[in-house]
Structure formats: C-alpha cells, structure tokens
Amino acid sequence: MGCDGGTIPKRHELVKGPKKVEKVDKNAELVARWYYCTLSQEKLKKPIVTCELGRLYNKDAVIEFLLDKSPDKPHADSAAHIKSIKSVIELNLSENPAWTGDKGNTKGDKYDDQCAQFICPVVGLEMNGKHRFCVLRHCGCVFSERALKEIKTDVCHKCGARFQEVDLILLNGSKDEVEELRKKMEERRLKTRMEKKSKKPKTVESVVANGATAEGAPGPSGTTDGNKKSTRDKISFVSSTKSTADSVSSENAAMSSSAPAKRPLPSTDQKSEAYKSIFTSHSSAKRTKDQSSNWVTHTAYYF
C-alpha cells in the first residue's frame, strides 16, 4: 500500500504533530476594530456611538438591536450589556483633513495606507488603532491618551465641560482593560439603582407606617377603642349634617336670586275716571236688559 516505486516518505508525512496556532494578523484586527461596527460588521459612519466597555458601533445598528433582541442575530453577545439607548455614548469626533474617503484610490494605482477618518483635536494623532484614544462619558468628546497626559486638566479641551478621571473610557482596550471597565459599569449601575430607591419621599413612608401601626396595634382595652369609634362616628355625622344644611341653604339662595321679582299691583283708587272708562268693568260699559238682545248670536252693539 503505497511507497512503491522507490518513494521515500518524510517524517511530517507519517507523524502528525500538534496543530500550529493560527496567528491573527494585527493589522487586520486593528482595521476590524477601528473601521467597522462591532455589531453589524459594516463600515463606521456618523453617528458613531460607544458602549461603557469602549466598543464602537453605528447608532443605527444599536437601535435595530434594541428593537429586536433575538439571540439568533450574529455578534449579539458583543452588545448584550446594552439595555437601552442611554447605555451608549454618541461620540463627538474631529474630522481628519487628509482623509479623502472611498474616492481617494478609485483607480488602484497607488498604495492605500488606511488613512483614518478622525484625529485627535489636540495632538493631531490619527484614530487608526496605533494610538490609544479615550472618550469622556458626559460630553462624548474623543481625545488621544497622549494629549490627556501631556495637558493635565479637569476641563474638556473641545467643549469646556468638567470631567474627572473616572469619566474616561478607553476605546478598544485589551481584555484586562475591558474587564476593569465592566466592573466599573456594574458598580455605576448598582449605585444608580440605590439612589433611585433612596429618592422616595420619607413623608409618604412615615404616613403609611403610622397608618399600619394604628390599624394593627391593639388598644389597652376594648372600651377605649369603642369610645374612640363612637366619637369618630358622631363627628362624621355632625359634619355631614352641617354640609347638607349648607348645601340646601345655598340652593335656596340661588333659587331666590334667579326667580324674577313680581311687580306690586297698582291701587285703583288713585286712577282717574278717564283711565277707568277704558276697561269693561266700568259703569259706562254696562248695559241694561232693554239694550241687550237675547236673539242675536253675536254682539252687534247697535244703539
């Protein structure tokens, strides 16, 4: 079986040794982390956001992930710690004037050295993965770590907002640095939860506690409790009767005010004879039996 014809096999063909560990190309890894979204694996384009672990995402990809958190999506584990849109920070980046975009090497006749789209606004270092960059958690401004070390200040160089060393988040750090950022994130979230619980008004809690003790605690004797209940019932009955009486009186006053005022009847003694003669009740309007005719159906008044 084989080895005929004078072939001499070599050792590596007969003996299988341990597999060699494939080495990852560092340049390819840097390009994947600094030029492409961690979630969608598409090119980074504004608006760009970062999580509390320092990973870079497209904002559209994060919104789509929050709307549909199905575990079947690829690279869903890299964004499992993002609970809402408040968990990410939108980056305030500085454009690189030397960056020409995708139109710079359309013919393919020159070397493309992956010019970065963004730079540090203080030192001018390119944000291409060869230099360490940090983001301020409150304002989102991005600076190189060298700039923050050379110019030590507690005010942002770009927007003037104050910050502390705790507010710095390292972008695309190593595994140990990511673990440290994860611990800080968990501590920060636990602190916010405790603050929300402590913000409850103490007055409401005291009122609820007093009500519970008053209802649950038994009195010294049954008679005192009965007397207290009877006095409470009497007070409530008196207050209810007063309120009903006040309502009835207010209704009567409203009815009396809304009713039209009657005119007093004029006295007939003060009127003149000419005024009285207008009405049929006057003596001049009365007729005798001879003047009235019974056979006429209508009153013709022929005199």
C-alpha atoms as a PDB file:
ATOM      1  CA  MET A   1       0.000   0.000   0.000  1.00  0.00           C
ATOM      2  CA  GLY A   2       1.937   2.941  -1.189  1.00  0.00           C
ATOM      3  CA  CYS A   3       5.636   3.719  -1.006  1.00  0.00           C
ATOM      4  CA  ASP A   4       6.183   1.803  -4.207  1.00  0.00           C
ATOM      5  CA  GLY A   5       8.396   2.936  -6.999  1.00  0.00           C
ATOM      6  CA  GLY A   6      11.228   3.918  -4.705  1.00  0.00           C
ATOM      7  CA  THR A   7       9.441   6.863  -2.945  1.00  0.00           C
ATOM      8  CA  ILE A   8      10.838   7.776   0.432  1.00  0.00           C
ATOM      9  CA  PRO A   9       8.249   9.437   2.755  1.00  0.00           C
ATOM     10  CA  LYS A  10       9.319  12.212   5.071  1.00  0.00           C
ATOM     11  CA  ARG A  11       8.657  12.393   8.773  1.00  0.00           C
ATOM     12  CA  HIS A  12       5.991  15.084   8.692  1.00  0.00           C
ATOM     13  CA  GLU A  13       4.034  12.963   6.247  1.00  0.00           C
ATOM     14  CA  LEU A  14       3.947   9.954   8.545  1.00  0.00           C
ATOM     15  CA  VAL A  15       3.827  11.512  12.003  1.00  0.00           C
ATOM     16  CA  LYS A  16       1.128  14.080  12.771  1.00  0.00           C
ATOM     17  CA  GLY A  17       2.295  16.549  15.381  1.00  0.00           C
ATOM     18  CA  PRO A  18       0.313  19.213  17.271  1.00  0.00           C
ATOM     19  CA  LYS A  19      -1.524  21.782  15.184  1.00  0.00           C
ATOM     20  CA  LYS A  20       0.044  25.150  14.917  1.00  0.00           C
ATOM     21  CA  VAL A  21      -1.912  28.006  16.435  1.00  0.00           C
ATOM     22  CA  GLU A  22      -3.063  30.370  13.762  1.00  0.00           C
ATOM     23  CA  LYS A  23      -1.760  33.836  14.394  1.00  0.00           C
ATOM     24  CA  VAL A  24      -4.149  36.705  13.823  1.00  0.00           C
ATOM     25  CA  ASP A  25      -2.851  39.473  11.660  1.00  0.00           C
ATOM     26  CA  LYS A  26      -2.551  42.542  13.892  1.00  0.00           C
ATOM     27  CA  ASN A  27      -3.214  44.979  11.074  1.00  0.00           C
ATOM     28  CA  ALA A  28      -6.384  43.140  10.090  1.00  0.00           C
ATOM     29  CA  GLU A  29      -7.537  43.096  13.712  1.00  0.00           C
ATOM     30  CA  LEU A  30      -6.936  46.837  14.085  1.00  0.00           C
ATOM     31  CA  VAL A  31      -8.869  47.561  10.899  1.00  0.00           C
ATOM     32  CA  ALA A  32     -11.785  45.402  12.067  1.00  0.00           C
ATOM     33  CA  ARG A  33     -11.975  47.130  15.463  1.00  0.00           C
ATOM     34  CA  TRP A  34     -11.419  50.749  14.434  1.00  0.00           C
ATOM     35  CA  TYR A  35     -13.029  50.929  10.985  1.00  0.00           C
ATOM     36  CA  TYR A  36     -16.015  48.570  11.299  1.00  0.00           C
ATOM     37  CA  CYS A  37     -19.053  48.335  13.586  1.00  0.00           C
ATOM     38  CA  THR A  38     -18.752  45.654  16.270  1.00  0.00           C
ATOM     39  CA  LEU A  39     -22.408  44.655  15.918  1.00  0.00           C
ATOM     40  CA  SER A  40     -23.226  44.839  12.201  1.00  0.00           C
ATOM     41  CA  GLN A  41     -19.662  44.490  10.800  1.00  0.00           C
ATOM     42  CA  GLU A  42     -20.334  47.425   8.465  1.00  0.00           C
ATOM     43  CA  LYS A  43     -18.102  50.461   7.999  1.00  0.00           C
ATOM     44  CA  LEU A  44     -18.332  53.022  10.743  1.00  0.00           C
ATOM     45  CA  LYS A  45     -20.202  56.143   9.712  1.00  0.00           C
ATOM     46  CA  LYS A  46     -21.659  59.007  11.677  1.00  0.00           C
ATOM     47  CA  PRO A  47     -23.406  58.943  14.074  1.00  0.00           C
ATOM     48  CA  ILE A  48     -20.965  56.631  15.879  1.00  0.00           C
ATOM     49  CA  VAL A  49     -21.561  55.520  19.465  1.00  0.00           C
ATOM     50  CA  THR A  50     -19.598  53.611  22.056  1.00  0.00           C
ATOM     51  CA  CYS A  51     -20.680  51.478  24.976  1.00  0.00           C
ATOM     52  CA  GLU A  52     -19.322  51.570  28.514  1.00  0.00           C
ATOM     53  CA  LEU A  53     -16.774  48.906  27.535  1.00  0.00           C
ATOM     54  CA  GLY A  54     -15.228  51.080  24.794  1.00  0.00           C
ATOM     55  CA  ARG A  55     -16.518  49.240  21.709  1.00  0.00           C
ATOM     56  CA  LEU A  56     -17.509  51.183  18.596  1.00  0.00           C
ATOM     57  CA  TYR A  57     -20.926  50.839  16.929  1.00  0.00           C
ATOM     58  CA  ASN A  58     -23.083  52.501  14.322  1.00  0.00           C
ATOM     59  CA  LYS A  59     -26.047  54.116  16.034  1.00  0.00           C
ATOM     60  CA  ASP A  60     -28.474  52.609  13.526  1.00  0.00           C
ATOM     61  CA  ALA A  61     -27.201  49.108  14.314  1.00  0.00           C
ATOM     62  CA  VAL A  62     -27.685  49.661  18.065  1.00  0.00           C
ATOM     63  CA  ILE A  63     -31.263  50.888  17.564  1.00  0.00           C
ATOM     64  CA  GLU A  64     -32.090  47.861  15.414  1.00  0.00           C
ATOM     65  CA  PHE A  65     -30.572  45.564  18.058  1.00  0.00           C
ATOM     66  CA  LEU A  66     -32.672  47.162  20.822  1.00  0.00           C
ATOM     67  CA  LEU A  67     -35.848  46.778  18.772  1.00  0.00           C
ATOM     68  CA  ASP A  68     -35.168  43.103  18.052  1.00  0.00           C
ATOM     69  CA  LYS A  69     -33.048  41.369  20.721  1.00  0.00           C
ATOM     70  CA  SER A  70     -33.212  37.894  19.224  1.00  0.00           C
ATOM     71  CA  PRO A  71     -30.270  35.646  20.195  1.00  0.00           C
ATOM     72  CA  ASP A  72     -30.073  34.310  16.637  1.00  0.00           C
ATOM     73  CA  LYS A  73     -28.536  37.546  15.397  1.00  0.00           C
ATOM     74  CA  PRO A  74     -24.796  37.383  14.698  1.00  0.00           C
ATOM     75  CA  HIS A  75     -22.497  39.193  17.153  1.00  0.00           C
ATOM     76  CA  ALA A  76     -25.394  39.696  19.577  1.00  0.00           C
ATOM     77  CA  ASP A  77     -23.143  38.762  22.520  1.00  0.00           C
ATOM     78  CA  SER A  78     -20.973  41.836  21.943  1.00  0.00           C
ATOM     79  CA  ALA A  79     -23.951  44.093  22.712  1.00  0.00           C
ATOM     80  CA  ALA A  80     -25.715  42.037  25.406  1.00  0.00           C
ATOM     81  CA  HIS A  81     -24.806  44.615  28.085  1.00  0.00           C
ATOM     82  CA  ILE A  82     -26.601  47.427  26.188  1.00  0.00           C
ATOM     83  CA  LYS A  83     -30.018  47.691  27.838  1.00  0.00           C
ATOM     84  CA  SER A  84     -31.262  50.951  26.282  1.00  0.00           C
ATOM     85  CA  ILE A  85     -30.110  53.834  24.113  1.00  0.00           C
ATOM     86  CA  LYS A  86     -28.951  55.582  27.313  1.00  0.00           C
ATOM     87  CA  SER A  87     -26.327  52.860  27.756  1.00  0.00           C
ATOM     88  CA  VAL A  88     -24.332  54.174  24.775  1.00  0.00           C
ATOM     89  CA  ILE A  89     -22.483  57.467  24.276  1.00  0.00           C
ATOM     90  CA  GLU A  90     -22.568  59.354  20.980  1.00  0.00           C
ATOM     91  CA  LEU A  91     -19.019  60.337  20.001  1.00  0.00           C
ATOM     92  CA  ASN A  92     -18.072  63.930  19.249  1.00  0.00           C
ATOM     93  CA  LEU A  93     -15.309  63.245  16.724  1.00  0.00           C
ATOM     94  CA  SER A  94     -12.890  65.572  14.889  1.00  0.00           C
ATOM     95  CA  GLU A  95     -12.569  65.091  11.128  1.00  0.00           C
ATOM     96  CA  ASN A  96      -9.194  64.360   9.553  1.00  0.00           C
ATOM     97  CA  PRO A  97      -8.470  66.924   6.780  1.00  0.00           C
ATOM     98  CA  ALA A  98      -6.214  64.395   4.985  1.00  0.00           C
ATOM     99  CA  TRP A  99      -8.973  61.819   4.675  1.00  0.00           C
ATOM    100  CA  THR A 100     -10.388  61.598   1.140  1.00  0.00           C
ATOM    101  CA  GLY A 101     -12.870  58.810   1.701  1.00  0.00           C
ATOM    102  CA  ASP A 102     -13.520  55.978  -0.724  1.00  0.00           C
ATOM    103  CA  LYS A 103     -12.853  58.250  -3.712  1.00  0.00           C
ATOM    104  CA  GLY A 104      -9.153  58.609  -2.993  1.00  0.00           C
ATOM    105  CA  ASN A 105      -7.966  55.394  -4.683  1.00  0.00           C
ATOM    106  CA  THR A 106     -10.574  54.629  -7.340  1.00  0.00           C
ATOM    107  CA  LYS A 107      -8.026  53.529  -9.989  1.00  0.00           C
ATOM    108  CA  GLY A 108      -5.976  51.327  -7.657  1.00  0.00           C
ATOM    109  CA  ASP A 109      -2.657  52.698  -8.944  1.00  0.00           C
ATOM    110  CA  LYS A 110      -1.331  53.869  -5.590  1.00  0.00           C
ATOM    111  CA  TYR A 111      -0.772  52.430  -2.137  1.00  0.00           C
ATOM    112  CA  ASP A 112      -3.593  52.848   0.367  1.00  0.00           C
ATOM    113  CA  ASP A 113      -2.221  53.008   3.912  1.00  0.00           C
ATOM    114  CA  GLN A 114      -5.641  53.157   5.626  1.00  0.00           C
ATOM    115  CA  CYS A 115      -5.769  56.858   6.401  1.00  0.00           C
ATOM    116  CA  ALA A 116      -8.028  57.416   9.390  1.00  0.00           C
ATOM    117  CA  GLN A 117     -11.190  59.466   9.116  1.00  0.00           C
ATOM    118  CA  PHE A 118     -10.853  61.033  12.587  1.00  0.00           C
ATOM    119  CA  ILE A 119      -7.975  62.544  14.538  1.00  0.00           C
ATOM    120  CA  CYS A 120      -7.220  63.911  17.992  1.00  0.00           C
ATOM    121  CA  PRO A 121      -8.087  67.643  18.022  1.00  0.00           C
ATOM    122  CA  VAL A 122      -5.224  68.461  20.432  1.00  0.00           C
ATOM    123  CA  VAL A 123      -2.209  66.475  19.208  1.00  0.00           C
ATOM    124  CA  GLY A 124      -3.369  65.521  15.720  1.00  0.00           C
ATOM    125  CA  LEU A 125      -2.810  61.751  16.018  1.00  0.00           C
ATOM    126  CA  GLU A 126      -4.902  59.621  13.703  1.00  0.00           C
ATOM    127  CA  MET A 127      -7.553  57.376  15.196  1.00  0.00           C
ATOM    128  CA  ASN A 128      -6.387  54.224  13.385  1.00  0.00           C
ATOM    129  CA  GLY A 129      -5.682  51.846  16.306  1.00  0.00           C
ATOM    130  CA  LYS A 130      -1.948  52.544  16.580  1.00  0.00           C
ATOM    131  CA  HIS A 131      -2.585  55.101  19.326  1.00  0.00           C
ATOM    132  CA  ARG A 132      -4.764  54.825  22.402  1.00  0.00           C
ATOM    133  CA  PHE A 133      -7.882  57.015  22.456  1.00  0.00           C
ATOM    134  CA  CYS A 134     -10.295  57.884  25.257  1.00  0.00           C
ATOM    135  CA  VAL A 135     -13.829  59.302  25.359  1.00  0.00           C
ATOM    136  CA  LEU A 136     -15.382  61.483  28.038  1.00  0.00           C
ATOM    137  CA  ARG A 137     -18.540  59.844  29.326  1.00  0.00           C
ATOM    138  CA  HIS A 138     -20.567  63.046  29.873  1.00  0.00           C
ATOM    139  CA  CYS A 139     -19.878  65.069  26.699  1.00  0.00           C
ATOM    140  CA  GLY A 140     -18.700  62.351  24.271  1.00  0.00           C
ATOM    141  CA  CYS A 141     -15.560  64.196  23.093  1.00  0.00           C
ATOM    142  CA  VAL A 142     -12.719  61.920  21.935  1.00  0.00           C
ATOM    143  CA  PHE A 143      -9.014  62.599  22.617  1.00  0.00           C
ATOM    144  CA  SER A 144      -5.827  60.623  22.456  1.00  0.00           C
ATOM    145  CA  GLU A 145      -4.363  59.347  25.700  1.00  0.00           C
ATOM    146  CA  ARG A 146      -1.143  61.239  24.980  1.00  0.00           C
ATOM    147  CA  ALA A 147      -2.991  64.563  24.842  1.00  0.00           C
ATOM    148  CA  LEU A 148      -4.683  63.917  28.178  1.00  0.00           C
ATOM    149  CA  LYS A 149      -1.331  63.033  29.773  1.00  0.00           C
ATOM    150  CA  GLU A 150       0.583  65.978  28.342  1.00  0.00           C
ATOM    151  CA  ILE A 151      -2.086  68.577  29.125  1.00  0.00           C
ATOM    152  CA  LYS A 152      -3.432  67.643  32.530  1.00  0.00           C
ATOM    153  CA  THR A 153      -6.701  69.443  33.225  1.00  0.00           C
ATOM    154  CA  ASP A 154     -10.201  68.737  34.509  1.00  0.00           C
ATOM    155  CA  VAL A 155     -11.868  70.684  31.673  1.00  0.00           C
ATOM    156  CA  CYS A 156     -12.621  69.247  28.241  1.00  0.00           C
ATOM    157  CA  HIS A 157     -10.346  70.689  25.534  1.00  0.00           C
ATOM    158  CA  LYS A 158     -13.164  70.806  22.989  1.00  0.00           C
ATOM    159  CA  CYS A 159     -16.418  71.776  24.710  1.00  0.00           C
ATOM    160  CA  GLY A 160     -15.209  73.062  28.105  1.00  0.00           C
ATOM    161  CA  ALA A 161     -17.213  70.607  30.229  1.00  0.00           C
ATOM    162  CA  ARG A 162     -15.721  69.471  33.514  1.00  0.00           C
ATOM    163  CA  PHE A 163     -14.763  65.835  33.986  1.00  0.00           C
ATOM    164  CA  GLN A 164     -12.924  63.511  36.350  1.00  0.00           C
ATOM    165  CA  GLU A 165     -10.581  60.630  35.758  1.00  0.00           C
ATOM    166  CA  VAL A 166     -13.420  58.209  36.485  1.00  0.00           C
ATOM    167  CA  ASP A 167     -15.341  59.582  33.482  1.00  0.00           C
ATOM    168  CA  LEU A 168     -12.676  58.429  30.993  1.00  0.00           C
ATOM    169  CA  ILE A 169     -13.479  55.339  28.894  1.00  0.00           C
ATOM    170  CA  LEU A 170     -10.688  53.725  26.886  1.00  0.00           C
ATOM    171  CA  LEU A 171     -11.715  52.835  23.325  1.00  0.00           C
ATOM    172  CA  ASN A 172     -10.943  49.307  22.096  1.00  0.00           C
ATOM    173  CA  GLY A 173      -8.773  48.338  25.043  1.00  0.00           C
ATOM    174  CA  SER A 174      -7.252  44.969  25.849  1.00  0.00           C
ATOM    175  CA  LYS A 175      -9.081  42.137  27.635  1.00  0.00           C
ATOM    176  CA  ASP A 176      -7.865  43.169  31.080  1.00  0.00           C
ATOM    177  CA  GLU A 177      -8.863  46.784  30.469  1.00  0.00           C
ATOM    178  CA  VAL A 178     -12.298  45.698  29.238  1.00  0.00           C
ATOM    179  CA  GLU A 179     -12.805  43.673  32.427  1.00  0.00           C
ATOM    180  CA  GLU A 180     -11.931  46.716  34.533  1.00  0.00           C
ATOM    181  CA  LEU A 181     -14.437  48.796  32.558  1.00  0.00           C
ATOM    182  CA  ARG A 182     -17.062  46.099  33.074  1.00  0.00           C
ATOM    183  CA  LYS A 183     -16.556  46.206  36.864  1.00  0.00           C
ATOM    184  CA  LYS A 184     -16.887  49.995  36.841  1.00  0.00           C
ATOM    185  CA  MET A 185     -20.048  49.721  34.760  1.00  0.00           C
ATOM    186  CA  GLU A 186     -21.659  47.281  37.193  1.00  0.00           C
ATOM    187  CA  GLU A 187     -20.712  49.446  40.180  1.00  0.00           C
ATOM    188  CA  ARG A 188     -22.136  52.530  38.453  1.00  0.00           C
ATOM    189  CA  ARG A 189     -25.416  50.813  37.639  1.00  0.00           C
ATOM    190  CA  LEU A 190     -25.747  49.487  41.190  1.00  0.00           C
ATOM    191  CA  LYS A 191     -25.155  52.985  42.548  1.00  0.00           C
ATOM    192  CA  THR A 192     -27.859  54.488  40.328  1.00  0.00           C
ATOM    193  CA  ARG A 193     -30.339  51.845  41.498  1.00  0.00           C
ATOM    194  CA  MET A 194     -29.628  52.625  45.138  1.00  0.00           C
ATOM    195  CA  GLU A 195     -30.024  56.354  44.500  1.00  0.00           C
ATOM    196  CA  LYS A 196     -33.407  55.803  42.852  1.00  0.00           C
ATOM    197  CA  LYS A 197     -34.590  53.801  45.851  1.00  0.00           C
ATOM    198  CA  SER A 198     -33.365  56.450  48.294  1.00  0.00           C
ATOM    199  CA  LYS A 199     -35.190  59.237  46.402  1.00  0.00           C
ATOM    200  CA  LYS A 200     -38.598  58.002  47.618  1.00  0.00           C
ATOM    201  CA  PRO A 201     -40.237  60.648  49.867  1.00  0.00           C
ATOM    202  CA  LYS A 202     -39.818  59.831  53.530  1.00  0.00           C
ATOM    203  CA  THR A 203     -43.116  61.526  54.428  1.00  0.00           C
ATOM    204  CA  VAL A 204     -45.137  59.016  52.447  1.00  0.00           C
ATOM    205  CA  GLU A 205     -43.307  56.135  54.093  1.00  0.00           C
ATOM    206  CA  SER A 206     -43.888  57.584  57.573  1.00  0.00           C
ATOM    207  CA  VAL A 207     -47.605  58.135  56.896  1.00  0.00           C
ATOM    208  CA  VAL A 208     -48.001  54.582  55.638  1.00  0.00           C
ATOM    209  CA  ALA A 209     -46.111  53.231  58.648  1.00  0.00           C
ATOM    210  CA  ASN A 210     -48.228  55.247  61.092  1.00  0.00           C
ATOM    211  CA  GLY A 211     -51.440  54.084  59.444  1.00  0.00           C
ATOM    212  CA  ALA A 212     -50.340  50.477  59.601  1.00  0.00           C
ATOM    213  CA  THR A 213     -49.438  50.709  63.290  1.00  0.00           C
ATOM    214  CA  ALA A 214     -52.705  52.483  64.147  1.00  0.00           C
ATOM    215  CA  GLU A 215     -54.782  49.802  62.437  1.00  0.00           C
ATOM    216  CA  GLY A 216     -52.728  46.794  63.510  1.00  0.00           C
ATOM    217  CA  ALA A 217     -51.803  47.743  67.092  1.00  0.00           C
ATOM    218  CA  PRO A 218     -54.438  46.677  69.695  1.00  0.00           C
ATOM    219  CA  GLY A 219     -55.624  49.232  72.265  1.00  0.00           C
ATOM    220  CA  PRO A 220     -55.255  48.857  76.045  1.00  0.00           C
ATOM    221  CA  SER A 221     -58.913  47.879  76.430  1.00  0.00           C
ATOM    222  CA  GLY A 222     -61.933  47.236  74.251  1.00  0.00           C
ATOM    223  CA  THR A 223     -63.969  50.086  75.804  1.00  0.00           C
ATOM    224  CA  THR A 224     -61.481  52.762  74.871  1.00  0.00           C
ATOM    225  CA  ASP A 225     -61.474  51.550  71.268  1.00  0.00           C
ATOM    226  CA  GLY A 226     -65.289  51.570  71.229  1.00  0.00           C
ATOM    227  CA  ASN A 227     -65.399  55.101  72.668  1.00  0.00           C
ATOM    228  CA  LYS A 228     -62.945  56.308  70.052  1.00  0.00           C
ATOM    229  CA  LYS A 229     -65.014  54.776  67.262  1.00  0.00           C
ATOM    230  CA  SER A 230     -68.271  56.260  68.626  1.00  0.00           C
ATOM    231  CA  THR A 231     -66.763  59.747  68.877  1.00  0.00           C
ATOM    232  CA  ARG A 232     -65.438  59.452  65.344  1.00  0.00           C
ATOM    233  CA  ASP A 233     -68.919  58.406  64.113  1.00  0.00           C
ATOM    234  CA  LYS A 234     -70.547  61.351  65.924  1.00  0.00           C
ATOM    235  CA  ILE A 235     -68.069  63.833  64.468  1.00  0.00           C
ATOM    236  CA  SER A 236     -68.590  62.456  60.972  1.00  0.00           C
ATOM    237  CA  PHE A 237     -72.439  62.598  61.387  1.00  0.00           C
ATOM    238  CA  VAL A 238     -72.362  66.213  62.622  1.00  0.00           C
ATOM    239  CA  SER A 239     -70.060  67.280  59.804  1.00  0.00           C
ATOM    240  CA  SER A 240     -72.289  65.541  57.231  1.00  0.00           C
ATOM    241  CA  THR A 241     -75.458  67.237  58.582  1.00  0.00           C
ATOM    242  CA  LYS A 242     -73.753  70.619  58.532  1.00  0.00           C
ATOM    243  CA  SER A 243     -72.626  70.108  54.978  1.00  0.00           C
ATOM    244  CA  THR A 244     -76.160  69.085  53.856  1.00  0.00           C
ATOM    245  CA  ALA A 245     -77.722  72.108  55.606  1.00  0.00           C
ATOM    246  CA  ASP A 246     -75.212  74.441  53.988  1.00  0.00           C
ATOM    247  CA  SER A 247     -75.883  72.935  50.578  1.00  0.00           C
ATOM    248  CA  VAL A 248     -79.685  73.311  50.995  1.00  0.00           C
ATOM    249  CA  SER A 249     -79.376  76.932  52.099  1.00  0.00           C
ATOM    250  CA  SER A 250     -77.080  77.722  49.195  1.00  0.00           C
ATOM    251  CA  GLU A 251     -79.555  76.119  46.768  1.00  0.00           C
ATOM    252  CA  ASN A 252     -82.457  78.161  48.208  1.00  0.00           C
ATOM    253  CA  ALA A 253     -80.474  81.345  47.930  1.00  0.00           C
ATOM    254  CA  ALA A 254     -79.640  80.562  44.328  1.00  0.00           C
ATOM    255  CA  MET A 255     -83.310  79.839  43.506  1.00  0.00           C
ATOM    256  CA  SER A 256     -84.470  83.061  45.152  1.00  0.00           C
ATOM    257  CA  SER A 257     -81.857  85.088  43.330  1.00  0.00           C
ATOM    258  CA  SER A 258     -82.667  83.506  39.955  1.00  0.00           C
ATOM    259  CA  ALA A 259     -86.544  83.914  40.293  1.00  0.00           C
ATOM    260  CA  PRO A 260     -87.990  87.118  38.668  1.00  0.00           C
ATOM    261  CA  ALA A 261     -89.281  89.821  41.031  1.00  0.00           C
ATOM    262  CA  LYS A 262     -93.094  90.366  40.998  1.00  0.00           C
ATOM    263  CA  ARG A 263     -94.449  93.860  40.401  1.00  0.00           C
ATOM    264  CA  PRO A 264     -96.851  95.247  43.014  1.00  0.00           C
ATOM    265  CA  LEU A 265    -100.437  95.661  41.770  1.00  0.00           C
ATOM    266  CA  PRO A 266    -101.455  99.272  41.290  1.00  0.00           C
ATOM    267  CA  SER A 267    -104.233 100.558  43.511  1.00  0.00           C
ATOM    268  CA  THR A 268    -107.440 101.517  41.597  1.00  0.00           C
ATOM    269  CA  ASP A 269    -108.383 104.310  43.952  1.00  0.00           C
ATOM    270  CA  GLN A 270    -105.648 106.576  42.697  1.00  0.00           C
ATOM    271  CA  LYS A 271    -106.647 106.285  38.988  1.00  0.00           C
ATOM    272  CA  SER A 272    -108.809 108.869  37.150  1.00  0.00           C
ATOM    273  CA  GLU A 273    -112.258 108.260  35.662  1.00  0.00           C
ATOM    274  CA  ALA A 274    -110.950 108.545  32.082  1.00  0.00           C
ATOM    275  CA  TYR A 275    -108.446 105.749  32.762  1.00  0.00           C
ATOM    276  CA  LYS A 276    -111.180 103.596  34.393  1.00  0.00           C
ATOM    277  CA  SER A 277    -113.571 104.073  31.459  1.00  0.00           C
ATOM    278  CA  ILE A 278    -111.157 102.143  29.196  1.00  0.00           C
ATOM    279  CA  PHE A 279    -111.934  98.819  30.898  1.00  0.00           C
ATOM    280  CA  THR A 280    -115.209  96.831  30.592  1.00  0.00           C
ATOM    281  CA  SER A 281    -115.635  96.785  34.334  1.00  0.00           C
ATOM    282  CA  HIS A 282    -116.542 100.483  34.305  1.00  0.00           C
ATOM    283  CA  SER A 283    -120.165 101.501  34.824  1.00  0.00           C
ATOM    284  CA  SER A 284    -120.332 103.139  31.392  1.00  0.00           C
ATOM    285  CA  ALA A 285    -119.715  99.803  29.701  1.00  0.00           C
ATOM    286  CA  LYS A 286    -122.580  98.059  31.469  1.00  0.00           C
ATOM    287  CA  ARG A 287    -125.947  97.770  29.648  1.00  0.00           C
ATOM    288  CA  THR A 288    -129.484  97.305  30.772  1.00  0.00           C
ATOM    289  CA  LYS A 289    -131.795  94.434  29.850  1.00  0.00           C
ATOM    290  CA  ASP A 290    -133.533  96.528  27.179  1.00  0.00           C
ATOM    291  CA  GLN A 291    -130.285  97.271  25.463  1.00  0.00           C
ATOM    292  CA  SER A 292    -129.203  93.619  25.380  1.00  0.00           C
ATOM    293  CA  SER A 293    -130.908  91.304  22.837  1.00  0.00           C
ATOM    294  CA  ASN A 294    -131.100  87.610  23.536  1.00  0.00           C
ATOM    295  CA  TRP A 295    -131.967  86.503  19.992  1.00  0.00           C
ATOM    296  CA  VAL A 296    -128.776  87.791  18.395  1.00  0.00           C
ATOM    297  CA  THR A 297    -125.906  85.310  18.370  1.00  0.00           C
ATOM    298  CA  HIS A 298    -123.324  87.992  18.120  1.00  0.00           C
ATOM    299  CA  THR A 299    -122.946  91.242  19.971  1.00  0.00           C
ATOM    300  CA  ALA A 300    -123.674  93.935  17.369  1.00  0.00           C
ATOM    301  CA  TYR A 301    -123.919  96.812  19.852  1.00  0.00           C
ATOM    302  CA  TYR A 302    -126.468  98.887  17.809  1.00  0.00           C
ATOM    303  CA  PHE A 303    -127.543 101.813  19.929  1.00  0.00           C
END
